[in-house]
């Protein structure tokens, strides 16, 4: 299906001008739409990234760490070793 049909009886160029105008207008509109849409998409993507990056810090509850428990007491020292092998000179 052609974009526009020029009737064969067109002698004053009105239909041709309308056809060219509609094609040029459509192309210009698409180009402007793509440029504006790309810019809006880029800005929207940037805002989404910023929002997702800052979202955890906004929704994370502020927690205070409880005090750490004291370390466990050391086990008692083993009893001194008594006896054993005889060492000359002692």
Protein backbone atom coordinates (compact mmCIF):
# COMPACT_ATOMS: atom_id res chain seq x y z
CA UNK A 1 0.00 0.00 0.00
CA UNK A 2 1.65 3.25 -1.03
CA UNK A 3 1.97 6.10 1.41
CA UNK A 4 -0.08 8.37 -0.78
CA UNK A 5 -1.74 8.12 -4.13
CA UNK A 6 -1.67 11.00 -6.55
CA UNK A 7 -4.77 11.09 -8.67
CA UNK A 8 -3.98 11.20 -12.39
CA UNK A 9 -6.16 14.28 -12.84
CA UNK A 10 -3.98 16.37 -10.50
CA UNK A 11 -2.73 19.30 -12.53
CA UNK A 12 -2.14 21.99 -9.93
CA UNK A 13 0.16 19.96 -7.64
CA UNK A 14 -2.14 20.19 -4.65
CA UNK A 15 -2.30 16.44 -4.10
CA UNK A 16 1.44 16.07 -4.65
CA UNK A 17 2.13 18.83 -2.13
CA UNK A 18 -0.21 17.22 0.38
CA UNK A 19 1.44 13.86 -0.14
CA UNK A 20 4.97 15.23 0.24
CA UNK A 21 3.93 17.29 3.24
CA UNK A 22 2.40 14.30 4.97
CA UNK A 23 5.46 12.11 4.29
CA UNK A 24 7.90 14.80 5.44
CA UNK A 25 5.75 15.54 8.47
CA UNK A 26 5.63 11.87 9.37
CA UNK A 27 9.41 11.46 9.04
CA UNK A 28 10.10 14.61 11.06
CA UNK A 29 7.61 13.51 13.70
CA UNK A 30 9.21 10.08 13.98
CA UNK A 31 12.70 11.59 14.27
CA UNK A 32 11.58 14.05 16.94
CA UNK A 33 9.71 11.29 18.75
CA UNK A 34 12.75 9.01 18.73
CA UNK A 35 15.05 11.78 19.97
CA UNK A 36 12.71 12.88 22.73
CA UNK A 37 11.83 9.29 23.61
CA UNK A 38 15.50 8.33 23.79
CA UNK A 39 16.26 11.28 26.03
CA UNK A 40 13.31 10.52 28.30
CA UNK A 41 14.35 6.87 28.41
CA UNK A 42 17.92 7.80 29.31
CA UNK A 43 16.80 10.19 32.05
CA UNK A 44 14.29 7.64 33.31
CA UNK A 45 16.92 4.90 33.38
CA UNK A 46 19.30 7.18 35.25
CA UNK A 47 16.60 8.06 37.78
CA UNK A 48 15.73 4.39 38.19
CA UNK A 49 19.37 3.52 38.85
CA UNK A 50 19.68 6.32 41.37
CA UNK A 51 16.44 5.27 43.01
CA UNK A 52 17.41 1.62 43.20
CA UNK A 53 20.82 2.56 44.55
CA UNK A 54 19.36 4.76 47.28
CA UNK A 55 16.36 2.55 48.03
CA UNK A 56 18.12 0.13 50.41
CA UNK A 57 19.49 3.01 52.47
CA UNK A 58 16.04 4.56 52.74
CA UNK A 59 14.13 1.42 53.67
CA UNK A 60 16.74 -0.30 55.80
CA UNK A 61 15.79 0.05 59.47
CA UNK A 62 18.37 1.69 61.63
CA UNK A 63 19.72 -0.98 63.91
CA UNK A 64 21.89 -0.50 66.91
CA UNK A 65 24.16 -3.42 67.52
CA UNK A 66 23.65 -4.96 70.95
CA UNK A 67 26.67 -4.89 73.20
CA UNK A 68 28.87 -7.88 72.61
CA UNK A 69 28.88 -10.41 75.44
CA UNK A 70 32.02 -10.58 77.55
CA UNK A 71 34.55 -13.18 76.47
CA UNK A 72 34.26 -16.55 78.23
CA UNK A 73 36.56 -17.04 81.23
CA UNK A 74 39.81 -18.84 80.60
CA UNK A 75 39.92 -22.47 81.69
CA UNK A 76 41.90 -23.16 84.87
CA UNK A 77 45.59 -23.81 84.43
CA UNK A 78 46.60 -27.47 84.51
CA UNK A 79 48.26 -28.68 87.71
CA UNK A 80 52.05 -28.62 87.73
CA UNK A 81 53.72 -31.77 86.58
CA UNK A 82 55.29 -33.68 89.49
CA UNK A 83 57.44 -36.71 89.33
CA UNK A 84 58.61 -37.98 86.01
CA UNK A 85 61.92 -39.43 84.89
CA UNK A 86 65.00 -39.02 87.06
CA UNK A 87 67.45 -36.53 85.58
CA UNK A 88 71.01 -36.75 86.90
CA UNK A 89 72.32 -33.57 88.43
CA UNK A 90 69.12 -32.43 90.07
